[in-house]
Amino acid sequence: MKQLFRTKSIEALVAASNVEGKRLDRTLGAWSLMALGIGAVIGSGIFILTGTAAAGEVRSFHSILHVPILDLIMNGANSSFTIGRPGAGPGVALSFLLTAIACGFAALCYAEMACCIPVAGSAYTYAYATMGEFIAWLIGWNLILEYAVSNMAVAVGFSAYFNDILESIFGWHLPKQLSEPMIVGGQFTGSWFNLPAFLILMLLTWVLTYGIKESARTNNIMVLVKLGAIAIFVIGAGRAVSTHHWHPFLPNGMSGVLTGAAIVFFTYIGFDSVSTAAEECKNPQRDLPIGIIGTLLVCSTLYIAVALVLTGIAPWQSLNSAAPVAEALKNLNMNTIREWVGVGAIVGMLSSLLVFQYGQARVWFAMSRDGLLPRFFSRIHPKHHTPHVSTWIAGFAVGIPSGVWDIGTFADLSNIGTLFAFTVVSAGVLVLRRTQPDRPRSFRVPFGPLFPLLSIASCLILMMALPLETWVRFFFWSAIGIAIYFAFGKKNSTLANS
């Protein structure tokens, strides 16, 4: 029991990151870190969930496993199997603002921990320094799930979008057998393998293996392209905004704004990936807080701008479609802007895939260096100085399932893993302030323990809004991780063996 909750000192974590043969090159500055965050946060969701939150939705559940856990706690056997979410209308801009504030609490906590512990591994490393090895393992194990499942879903979406572009521009498309998942909803589709999803992941894995500087440069270009696409939409479509679409601004009152916030919350997930780059940052004490907080500020501004323009060019009731932005632009005959939105969506997927694959490999690398995973995961390429083994294993671990399954149904697993990590990092701030109050901090979360506590409360409430099925899968995945820890990690931990 002592070993389970034994912490690793920050000095030991930093020293391990400087061991020859296990050291990563420090090449990233504040802008590159911010670009990593923007690349992870802003994907195609900005053009989809904005409309869903504005128009609202009705969700029917065919099993008690699909009912939100909060509804089960409050209503028990009388829980409703149909939940209507009132639309936020033009007030979806306020939904994005409220969500940014809620995420801001967690972002501030990440910023303080990142400047205190400038080591790869993100929430896993922070937990190791504050709550002990066992909690760190659970966090790392669930971070692997978060990044992997997110990218499986995005890769499948990229494949569908890529095939659609091939047909609309060149008039041909890949055969169904090579462009769709083999299994959807537990049923065989007749497809052999989703080749585009697999190949794009292999291409990005090669880029990540080649070097962090080259990977960051590639991501910077993609971020500039999708920011340009968003700017073209906001400025170009902004000329067609009719203010009468904004009246009433809150058609369903604050309840619509709050349910809209619950829908768009998960568009913000990804800013934590900035902290996985701590070990490759030139000046982590200064640049990491800038990268994390800057990501949230830029993304919030863009989300709010898109929300205001979208609800200004179309009635909010008409936005509940699979592609609300594209539909609105089509109705206005703004086909050029629509094409740029398509470019922004597909580049957004690519940058999200790149950043999450990067983050996943760094978590595996950090866990291996601590002895909790086999040592070969922490091997460094002699020429490119990247964790090439963990990067390629992560690539195949995501690429092969992406070719076989439609992973969209497992998206909530990514959400619960992320919220669990947010909760632990926020609690870690409180623990570190109590155990090491005099440790130098280039950034501190303001208002003492209030903001970390608000972050914990926000995350727990959002976790309760996830369905029972997600919790069952979360505990099942955690149980597998615990078994691996006691079979391998506990015996091979460098902390225990030292």
Protein backbone atom coordinates (compact mmCIF):
# COMPACT_ATOMS: atom_id res chain seq x y z
CA MET A 1 0.00 0.00 0.00
CA LYS A 2 2.93 2.30 0.69
CA GLN A 3 4.24 1.85 -2.83
CA LEU A 4 0.81 2.41 -4.39
CA PHE A 5 0.61 5.96 -3.06
CA ARG A 6 4.31 6.79 -3.00
CA THR A 7 5.00 9.95 -4.96
CA LYS A 8 7.95 10.67 -7.20
CA SER A 9 9.71 13.91 -6.37
CA ILE A 10 9.67 16.69 -8.94
CA GLU A 11 13.47 16.73 -8.83
CA ALA A 12 13.56 13.02 -9.73
CA LEU A 13 11.07 13.54 -12.58
CA VAL A 14 13.14 16.39 -14.00
CA ALA A 15 16.39 14.42 -13.57
CA ALA A 16 14.91 11.43 -15.45
CA SER A 17 14.01 13.72 -18.34
CA ASN A 18 17.68 14.73 -18.71
CA VAL A 19 19.18 11.22 -18.83
CA GLU A 20 21.19 10.70 -22.00
CA GLY A 21 19.33 8.47 -24.43
CA LYS A 22 15.96 9.32 -22.82
CA ARG A 23 16.05 13.06 -23.44
CA LEU A 24 13.87 14.92 -25.93
CA ASP A 25 15.01 18.02 -27.83
CA ARG A 26 13.72 21.38 -26.57
CA THR A 27 12.66 23.15 -29.77
CA LEU A 28 9.12 24.49 -29.17
CA GLY A 29 8.25 28.09 -28.35
CA ALA A 30 5.03 29.73 -27.13
CA TRP A 31 3.48 30.03 -30.62
CA SER A 32 4.18 26.38 -31.48
CA LEU A 33 2.61 25.31 -28.18
CA MET A 34 -0.44 27.47 -28.83
CA ALA A 35 -0.69 26.05 -32.35
CA LEU A 36 -0.62 22.52 -30.89
CA GLY A 37 -3.50 23.46 -28.60
CA ILE A 38 -5.53 25.11 -31.36
CA GLY A 39 -4.82 22.14 -33.62
CA ALA A 40 -6.26 19.78 -31.00
CA VAL A 41 -9.25 21.88 -29.90
CA ILE A 42 -10.63 23.23 -33.18
CA GLY A 43 -11.70 20.42 -35.48
CA SER A 44 -14.73 19.90 -37.67
CA GLY A 45 -16.93 20.21 -34.56
CA ILE A 46 -16.91 24.00 -34.80
CA PHE A 47 -19.01 23.69 -37.97
CA ILE A 48 -21.33 20.97 -36.59
CA LEU A 49 -21.96 21.22 -32.82
CA THR A 50 -22.57 24.97 -33.03
CA GLY A 51 -25.73 24.28 -35.02
CA THR A 52 -26.75 21.35 -32.80
CA ALA A 53 -26.49 23.46 -29.64
CA ALA A 54 -28.38 26.36 -31.25
CA ALA A 55 -31.28 24.23 -32.54
CA GLY A 56 -31.42 21.74 -29.66
CA GLU A 57 -31.98 18.01 -29.93
CA VAL A 58 -34.17 15.18 -28.70
CA ARG A 59 -32.37 12.03 -27.64
CA SER A 60 -34.13 8.70 -27.12
CA PHE A 61 -32.53 5.90 -25.10
CA HIS A 62 -33.44 2.28 -25.81
CA SER A 63 -31.75 0.91 -22.69
CA ILE A 64 -31.15 2.03 -19.12
CA LEU A 65 -27.43 1.85 -19.95
CA HIS A 66 -27.85 4.88 -22.23
CA VAL A 67 -29.60 7.10 -19.67
CA PRO A 68 -27.39 9.84 -18.11
CA ILE A 69 -26.18 8.80 -14.65
CA LEU A 70 -27.42 12.09 -13.13
CA ASP A 71 -30.96 11.30 -14.28
CA LEU A 72 -30.73 7.84 -12.72
CA ILE A 73 -29.50 9.29 -9.42
CA MET A 74 -32.27 11.89 -9.30
CA ASN A 75 -35.19 9.83 -10.65
CA GLY A 76 -34.23 6.17 -10.25
CA ALA A 77 -36.71 3.84 -11.96
CA ASN A 78 -38.73 6.85 -13.13
CA SER A 79 -35.87 8.12 -15.28
CA SER A 80 -36.99 9.36 -18.68
CA PHE A 81 -35.85 7.44 -21.73
CA THR A 82 -36.37 10.50 -23.91
CA ILE A 83 -34.52 13.72 -23.14
CA GLY A 84 -35.25 16.94 -24.99
CA ARG A 85 -32.52 19.57 -25.00
CA PRO A 86 -33.98 23.01 -25.71
CA GLY A 87 -32.03 24.99 -28.27
CA ALA A 88 -29.91 27.91 -27.12
CA GLY A 89 -30.79 29.85 -30.28
CA PRO A 90 -28.51 32.83 -30.90
CA GLY A 91 -27.65 32.53 -27.20
CA VAL A 92 -25.32 29.66 -28.18
CA ALA A 93 -22.65 32.37 -28.15
CA LEU A 94 -23.26 32.62 -24.39
CA SER A 95 -23.08 28.81 -24.18
CA PHE A 96 -19.58 28.96 -25.62
CA LEU A 97 -18.65 31.74 -23.19
CA LEU A 98 -19.92 29.81 -20.15
CA THR A 99 -18.12 26.66 -21.32
CA ALA A 100 -14.90 28.63 -21.79
CA ILE A 101 -15.18 29.85 -18.19
CA ALA A 102 -15.76 26.29 -16.91
CA CYS A 103 -12.82 24.96 -18.94
CA GLY A 104 -10.79 27.98 -17.86
CA PHE A 105 -10.69 26.70 -14.28
CA ALA A 106 -9.07 23.45 -15.46
CA ALA A 107 -6.78 25.30 -17.89
CA LEU A 108 -5.45 27.50 -15.07
CA CYS A 109 -4.73 24.39 -13.00
CA TYR A 110 -2.88 22.78 -15.92
CA ALA A 111 -0.86 25.98 -16.39
CA GLU A 112 0.31 26.01 -12.75
CA MET A 113 1.21 22.30 -12.76
CA ALA A 114 2.97 22.55 -16.13
CA CYS A 115 5.31 25.32 -14.97
CA CYS A 116 6.02 23.44 -11.70
CA ILE A 117 6.66 20.08 -13.41
CA PRO A 118 8.07 20.72 -16.94
CA VAL A 119 8.18 17.02 -17.88
CA ALA A 120 6.38 14.98 -20.57
CA GLY A 121 3.31 13.02 -19.53
CA SER A 122 0.76 15.74 -18.72
CA ALA A 123 -1.78 14.68 -16.06
CA TYR A 124 0.01 11.33 -15.56
CA THR A 125 3.22 13.06 -14.45
CA TYR A 126 1.36 15.59 -12.28
CA ALA A 127 -0.48 12.78 -10.49
CA TYR A 128 2.80 10.90 -9.93
CA ALA A 129 4.24 13.94 -8.14
CA THR A 130 1.18 14.64 -6.00
CA MET A 131 -1.00 11.55 -5.47
CA GLY A 132 1.22 8.54 -5.97
CA GLU A 133 2.06 5.84 -8.46
CA PHE A 134 -1.28 4.00 -8.53
CA ILE A 135 -3.35 7.12 -9.27
CA ALA A 136 -0.73 8.17 -11.84
CA TRP A 137 -1.05 4.80 -13.57
CA LEU A 138 -4.86 5.10 -13.71
CA ILE A 139 -4.58 8.59 -15.18
CA GLY A 140 -1.99 7.51 -17.75
CA TRP A 141 -4.00 4.43 -18.70
CA ASN A 142 -7.11 6.56 -19.27
CA LEU A 143 -5.18 9.25 -21.15
CA ILE A 144 -4.13 6.53 -23.60
CA LEU A 145 -7.82 5.69 -24.03
CA GLU A 146 -8.78 9.37 -24.41
CA TYR A 147 -6.29 10.08 -27.18
CA ALA A 148 -6.78 6.74 -28.95
CA VAL A 149 -10.58 6.71 -29.03
CA SER A 150 -10.73 10.39 -30.04
CA ASN A 151 -8.46 9.75 -33.00
CA MET A 152 -10.27 6.58 -34.05
CA ALA A 153 -13.50 8.55 -34.34
CA VAL A 154 -11.82 11.46 -36.16
CA ALA A 155 -10.02 9.13 -38.59
CA VAL A 156 -13.30 7.43 -39.53
CA GLY A 157 -14.87 10.88 -40.05
CA PHE A 158 -11.89 11.97 -42.16
CA SER A 159 -12.30 8.93 -44.41
CA ALA A 160 -15.97 9.72 -45.09
CA TYR A 161 -15.21 13.39 -45.77
CA PHE A 162 -12.23 12.52 -48.00
CA ASN A 163 -14.36 10.20 -50.13
CA ASP A 164 -17.05 12.88 -50.42
CA ILE A 165 -14.47 15.43 -51.65
CA LEU A 166 -13.11 12.96 -54.22
CA GLU A 167 -16.62 12.51 -55.60
CA SER A 168 -17.59 16.19 -55.61
CA ILE A 169 -14.33 17.47 -57.17
CA PHE A 170 -13.05 14.60 -59.34
CA GLY A 171 -16.29 12.69 -59.94
CA TRP A 172 -15.10 9.37 -58.56
CA HIS A 173 -14.76 7.71 -55.20
CA LEU A 174 -13.09 4.75 -53.59
CA PRO A 175 -15.05 1.48 -53.57
CA LYS A 176 -17.12 0.87 -50.46
CA GLN A 177 -15.01 -2.19 -49.61
CA LEU A 178 -11.95 0.05 -49.07
CA SER A 179 -13.49 3.24 -47.68
CA GLU A 180 -15.91 2.27 -44.92
CA PRO A 181 -15.57 0.50 -41.55
CA MET A 182 -15.95 -3.27 -41.60
CA ILE A 183 -18.25 -3.22 -38.55
CA VAL A 184 -20.86 -0.57 -37.68
CA GLY A 185 -23.15 -0.99 -34.69
CA GLY A 186 -22.04 -4.58 -34.26
CA GLN A 187 -23.07 -5.48 -37.81
CA PHE A 188 -20.79 -6.35 -40.75
CA THR A 189 -21.13 -3.80 -43.56
CA GLY A 190 -19.56 -5.77 -46.41
CA SER A 191 -16.53 -3.50 -46.38
CA TRP A 192 -13.07 -5.05 -46.12
CA PHE A 193 -11.10 -2.23 -44.50
CA ASN A 194 -11.31 1.56 -44.11
CA LEU A 195 -8.13 2.30 -46.03
CA PRO A 196 -8.12 6.16 -45.97
CA ALA A 197 -8.46 6.20 -42.17
CA PHE A 198 -5.51 3.83 -41.80
CA LEU A 199 -3.28 5.53 -44.37
CA ILE A 200 -3.73 9.07 -43.00
CA LEU A 201 -2.74 7.84 -39.54
CA MET A 202 0.35 6.13 -40.96
CA LEU A 203 1.33 9.32 -42.80
CA LEU A 204 0.97 11.48 -39.67
CA THR A 205 2.87 8.86 -37.63
CA TRP A 206 5.76 9.12 -40.08
CA VAL A 207 5.73 12.94 -39.74
CA LEU A 208 5.80 12.66 -35.93
CA THR A 209 8.67 10.17 -36.08
CA TYR A 210 10.69 12.36 -38.41
CA GLY A 211 11.06 15.14 -35.82
CA ILE A 212 9.18 17.41 -33.42
CA LYS A 213 10.33 20.55 -35.25
CA GLU A 214 8.98 19.21 -38.54
CA SER A 215 5.78 18.01 -36.84
CA ALA A 216 5.25 21.42 -35.26
CA ARG A 217 5.89 23.15 -38.59
CA THR A 218 3.34 20.88 -40.31
CA ASN A 219 0.79 21.58 -37.56
CA ASN A 220 1.46 25.34 -37.76
CA ILE A 221 0.63 25.31 -41.48
CA MET A 222 -2.58 23.34 -40.92
CA VAL A 223 -3.63 25.65 -38.09
CA LEU A 224 -3.09 28.71 -40.30
CA VAL A 225 -5.19 27.11 -43.06
CA LYS A 226 -8.12 26.33 -40.79
CA LEU A 227 -7.92 29.72 -39.05
CA GLY A 228 -8.03 31.24 -42.54
CA ALA A 229 -11.12 29.16 -43.39
CA ILE A 230 -12.85 30.28 -40.20
CA ALA A 231 -11.92 33.92 -40.91
CA ILE A 232 -13.32 33.64 -44.46
CA PHE A 233 -16.59 32.29 -43.05
CA VAL A 234 -16.88 34.94 -40.32
CA ILE A 235 -15.99 37.86 -42.61
CA GLY A 236 -17.60 36.60 -45.84
CA ALA A 237 -20.82 35.24 -44.37
CA GLY A 238 -20.90 38.11 -41.86
CA ARG A 239 -22.07 40.39 -44.67
CA ALA A 240 -25.27 38.34 -44.90
CA VAL A 241 -26.09 38.53 -41.18
CA SER A 242 -29.63 39.70 -40.55
CA THR A 243 -30.14 40.92 -36.99
CA HIS A 244 -33.79 39.82 -36.98
CA HIS A 245 -32.47 36.22 -36.70
CA TRP A 246 -31.09 37.22 -33.29
CA HIS A 247 -34.53 38.10 -31.91
CA PRO A 248 -35.30 36.66 -29.46
CA PHE A 249 -31.67 36.14 -28.44
CA LEU A 250 -32.60 33.59 -25.75
CA PRO A 251 -35.67 31.79 -27.16
CA ASN A 252 -35.57 29.14 -24.40
CA GLY A 253 -34.11 31.31 -21.66
CA MET A 254 -31.08 30.32 -19.63
CA SER A 255 -32.08 26.64 -19.68
CA GLY A 256 -31.36 26.63 -23.42
CA VAL A 257 -28.02 28.35 -22.84
CA LEU A 258 -27.02 25.82 -20.17
CA THR A 259 -28.00 22.74 -22.21
CA GLY A 260 -26.19 24.31 -25.16
CA ALA A 261 -23.11 24.61 -22.95
CA ALA A 262 -23.32 20.90 -22.12
CA ILE A 263 -23.40 20.06 -25.84
CA VAL A 264 -20.45 22.28 -26.83
CA PHE A 265 -18.27 21.50 -23.79
CA PHE A 266 -16.48 18.69 -25.56
CA THR A 267 -15.44 20.95 -28.45
CA TYR A 268 -12.98 22.50 -25.98
CA ILE A 269 -11.27 19.25 -25.00
CA GLY A 270 -7.70 19.16 -26.23
CA PHE A 271 -6.02 22.15 -24.59
CA ASP A 272 -4.48 19.74 -22.11
CA SER A 273 -2.42 18.25 -24.97
CA VAL A 274 -0.19 21.35 -24.75
CA SER A 275 1.17 20.07 -21.43
CA THR A 276 2.37 16.81 -23.07
CA ALA A 277 4.97 18.95 -24.89
CA ALA A 278 6.51 20.27 -21.64
CA GLU A 279 9.76 18.38 -22.18
CA GLU A 280 10.22 19.72 -25.71
CA CYS A 281 9.57 23.35 -24.77
CA LYS A 282 12.44 25.87 -24.78
CA ASN A 283 11.23 27.83 -21.74
CA PRO A 284 8.47 25.79 -20.07
CA GLN A 285 7.99 28.06 -17.04
CA ARG A 286 7.05 30.94 -19.34
CA ASP A 287 5.75 29.31 -22.52
CA LEU A 288 3.51 26.54 -21.16
CA PRO A 289 1.06 28.86 -19.33
CA ILE A 290 0.98 31.07 -22.45
CA GLY A 291 0.31 28.06 -24.67
CA ILE A 292 -2.46 26.60 -22.49
CA ILE A 293 -4.32 29.80 -21.62
CA GLY A 294 -3.70 31.33 -25.06
CA THR A 295 -5.25 28.25 -26.70
CA LEU A 296 -8.42 28.63 -24.66
CA LEU A 297 -8.71 32.39 -25.35
CA VAL A 298 -8.19 32.06 -29.12
CA CYS A 299 -10.54 29.08 -29.47
CA SER A 300 -13.25 30.73 -27.37
CA THR A 301 -13.11 33.87 -29.51
CA LEU A 302 -13.40 31.85 -32.72
CA TYR A 303 -16.25 29.70 -31.39
CA ILE A 304 -18.27 32.75 -30.30
CA ALA A 305 -17.66 34.52 -33.64
CA VAL A 306 -18.81 31.47 -35.64
CA ALA A 307 -21.88 31.10 -33.39
CA LEU A 308 -22.94 34.72 -33.87
CA VAL A 309 -22.51 34.63 -37.67
CA LEU A 310 -24.20 31.24 -38.09
CA THR A 311 -27.28 32.23 -36.08
CA GLY A 312 -27.31 35.55 -37.95
CA ILE A 313 -27.49 34.05 -41.44
CA ALA A 314 -30.11 31.36 -40.77
CA PRO A 315 -33.03 30.82 -38.38
CA TRP A 316 -31.72 28.93 -35.37
CA GLN A 317 -34.50 26.31 -35.67
CA SER A 318 -33.07 25.19 -39.05
CA LEU A 319 -29.56 24.41 -37.80
CA ASN A 320 -30.11 20.89 -36.47
CA SER A 321 -28.53 19.07 -39.41
CA ALA A 322 -25.39 17.02 -40.01
CA ALA A 323 -23.65 20.04 -41.61
CA PRO A 324 -25.45 23.21 -40.45
CA VAL A 325 -22.82 25.67 -41.68
CA ALA A 326 -22.64 24.08 -45.15
CA GLU A 327 -26.46 24.01 -45.38
CA ALA A 328 -26.79 27.66 -44.38
CA LEU A 329 -24.16 28.74 -46.93
CA LYS A 330 -25.79 26.61 -49.63
CA ASN A 331 -29.14 28.34 -49.03
CA LEU A 332 -27.39 31.71 -49.46
CA ASN A 333 -25.59 30.55 -52.65
CA MET A 334 -22.23 31.24 -50.99
CA ASN A 335 -20.57 28.25 -52.62
CA THR A 336 -17.01 29.62 -52.56
CA ILE A 337 -17.16 30.19 -48.80
CA ARG A 338 -18.78 26.77 -48.46
CA GLU A 339 -15.78 25.18 -50.21
CA TRP A 340 -13.41 26.97 -47.83
CA VAL A 341 -15.43 25.71 -44.88
CA GLY A 342 -14.96 22.19 -46.29
CA VAL A 343 -11.22 22.76 -46.49
CA GLY A 344 -11.21 24.07 -42.92
CA ALA A 345 -13.13 21.01 -41.71
CA ILE A 346 -10.81 18.47 -43.30
CA VAL A 347 -7.64 20.32 -42.24
CA GLY A 348 -9.13 20.61 -38.75
CA MET A 349 -9.42 16.82 -38.64
CA LEU A 350 -5.83 16.40 -39.80
CA SER A 351 -4.37 18.73 -37.17
CA SER A 352 -6.46 17.09 -34.42
CA LEU A 353 -5.17 13.67 -35.50
CA LEU A 354 -1.58 14.92 -35.51
CA VAL A 355 -1.72 16.53 -32.06
CA PHE A 356 -3.54 13.68 -30.32
CA GLN A 357 -1.16 11.10 -31.81
CA TYR A 358 1.71 13.27 -30.57
CA GLY A 359 0.21 13.49 -27.06
CA GLN A 360 -0.53 9.77 -26.86
CA ALA A 361 3.03 8.80 -27.76
CA ARG A 362 4.44 11.20 -25.11
CA VAL A 363 2.25 9.65 -22.39
CA TRP A 364 3.41 6.13 -23.35
CA PHE A 365 7.00 7.40 -23.43
CA ALA A 366 6.76 8.94 -19.92
CA MET A 367 5.12 5.83 -18.43
CA SER A 368 7.78 3.59 -19.98
CA ARG A 369 10.61 5.76 -18.66
CA ASP A 370 9.16 5.32 -15.18
CA GLY A 371 9.13 1.55 -15.65
CA LEU A 372 5.34 1.19 -15.69
CA LEU A 373 5.36 0.10 -19.34
CA PRO A 374 8.02 -1.98 -21.16
CA ARG A 375 11.30 -0.13 -21.71
CA PHE A 376 11.19 -0.21 -25.50
CA PHE A 377 8.36 2.39 -25.42
CA SER A 378 10.89 4.99 -24.22
CA ARG A 379 13.53 4.38 -26.89
CA ILE A 380 14.70 7.56 -28.65
CA HIS A 381 15.52 7.66 -32.36
CA PRO A 382 19.31 8.21 -32.66
CA LYS A 383 18.94 10.73 -35.50
CA HIS A 384 15.55 12.45 -35.06
CA HIS A 385 15.48 12.35 -31.22
CA THR A 386 11.80 11.36 -31.10
CA PRO A 387 10.21 8.43 -29.20
CA HIS A 388 9.84 6.53 -32.48
CA VAL A 389 8.83 3.15 -31.03
CA SER A 390 5.93 4.50 -28.96
CA THR A 391 4.91 6.76 -31.87
CA TRP A 392 4.66 3.87 -34.34
CA ILE A 393 2.94 1.56 -31.84
CA ALA A 394 0.42 4.35 -31.12
CA GLY A 395 -0.08 4.78 -34.86
CA PHE A 396 -0.92 1.10 -35.43
CA ALA A 397 -2.96 0.90 -32.20
CA VAL A 398 -5.25 3.61 -33.57
CA GLY A 399 -4.95 2.94 -37.32
CA ILE A 400 -5.97 -0.73 -37.36
CA PRO A 401 -9.18 -0.31 -35.25
CA SER A 402 -10.05 2.74 -37.37
CA GLY A 403 -10.03 0.51 -40.43
CA VAL A 404 -12.31 -2.08 -38.82
CA TRP A 405 -14.85 -0.33 -36.57
CA ASP A 406 -16.99 2.75 -36.54
CA ILE A 407 -15.70 4.16 -33.25
CA GLY A 408 -18.13 7.09 -33.06
CA THR A 409 -20.30 5.24 -30.54
CA PHE A 410 -17.36 5.18 -28.10
CA ALA A 411 -16.79 8.96 -28.10
CA ASP A 412 -18.11 9.31 -24.54
CA LEU A 413 -15.20 7.15 -23.33
CA SER A 414 -12.86 9.92 -24.42
CA ASN A 415 -14.98 12.47 -22.56
CA ILE A 416 -15.03 10.65 -19.22
CA GLY A 417 -11.28 9.97 -19.37
CA THR A 418 -10.59 13.66 -20.03
CA LEU A 419 -12.82 14.84 -17.21
CA PHE A 420 -11.18 12.36 -14.82
CA ALA A 421 -7.77 13.79 -15.76
CA PHE A 422 -9.03 17.38 -15.29
CA THR A 423 -10.29 16.46 -11.81
CA VAL A 424 -7.01 14.89 -10.72
CA VAL A 425 -4.89 17.78 -12.04
CA SER A 426 -7.09 20.32 -10.23
CA ALA A 427 -6.79 18.31 -7.01
CA GLY A 428 -3.03 18.06 -7.60
CA VAL A 429 -2.74 21.86 -7.47
CA LEU A 430 -4.25 21.83 -3.98
CA VAL A 431 -2.02 18.96 -2.85
CA LEU A 432 1.19 20.54 -4.17
CA ARG A 433 0.39 23.88 -2.59
CA ARG A 434 -0.04 22.17 0.75
CA THR A 435 2.99 19.85 0.55
CA GLN A 436 5.38 22.27 -1.21
CA PRO A 437 4.09 25.80 -0.59
CA ASP A 438 7.50 27.40 -1.15
CA ARG A 439 8.21 25.79 -4.52
CA PRO A 440 8.77 28.53 -7.14
CA ARG A 441 5.80 28.96 -9.48
CA SER A 442 6.02 31.22 -12.52
CA PHE A 443 2.22 31.00 -12.70
CA ARG A 444 -0.34 30.53 -9.93
CA VAL A 445 -4.06 29.86 -10.19
CA PRO A 446 -5.69 33.02 -8.75
CA PHE A 447 -8.06 33.17 -5.75
CA GLY A 448 -6.37 30.45 -3.70
CA PRO A 449 -8.20 27.12 -3.58
CA LEU A 450 -11.46 28.51 -5.03
CA PHE A 451 -10.74 28.02 -8.73
CA PRO A 452 -9.31 24.47 -8.38
CA LEU A 453 -12.38 23.51 -6.33
CA LEU A 454 -14.68 25.02 -8.96
CA SER A 455 -12.81 23.05 -11.61
CA ILE A 456 -13.29 19.79 -9.68
CA ALA A 457 -17.01 20.52 -9.16
CA SER A 458 -17.55 21.37 -12.85
CA CYS A 459 -15.84 18.18 -14.00
CA LEU A 460 -17.77 15.94 -11.60
CA ILE A 461 -21.11 17.44 -12.69
CA LEU A 462 -20.26 16.88 -16.37
CA MET A 463 -19.17 13.32 -15.63
CA MET A 464 -22.55 12.71 -14.01
CA ALA A 465 -24.22 13.88 -17.25
CA LEU A 466 -22.64 10.97 -19.15
CA PRO A 467 -24.67 7.75 -19.60
CA LEU A 468 -24.39 4.70 -17.35
CA GLU A 469 -22.96 2.68 -20.23
CA THR A 470 -19.96 5.03 -20.41
CA TRP A 471 -19.29 4.56 -16.69
CA VAL A 472 -19.47 0.77 -17.08
CA ARG A 473 -16.95 0.87 -19.93
CA PHE A 474 -14.77 3.31 -17.97
CA PHE A 475 -14.62 0.95 -14.96
CA PHE A 476 -14.01 -2.04 -17.24
CA TRP A 477 -11.09 -0.29 -18.97
CA SER A 478 -9.72 0.82 -15.58
CA ALA A 479 -9.98 -2.76 -14.27
CA ILE A 480 -7.86 -3.97 -17.21
CA GLY A 481 -5.34 -1.24 -16.41
CA ILE A 482 -5.21 -2.21 -12.73
CA ALA A 483 -4.55 -5.84 -13.66
CA ILE A 484 -1.66 -4.78 -15.93
CA TYR A 485 -0.26 -2.53 -13.21
CA PHE A 486 -0.11 -5.30 -10.62
CA ALA A 487 1.18 -7.83 -13.16
CA PHE A 488 3.90 -5.62 -14.64
CA GLY A 489 4.07 -1.98 -13.58
CA LYS A 490 4.28 -2.44 -9.82
CA LYS A 491 7.20 -4.89 -10.16
CA ASN A 492 9.17 -2.88 -12.73
CA SER A 493 8.58 0.64 -11.42
CA THR A 494 11.83 2.60 -11.25
CA LEU A 495 10.54 4.31 -8.12
CA ALA A 496 10.01 1.00 -6.32
CA ASN A 497 13.28 -0.51 -7.51
CA SER A 498 15.28 2.54 -6.48
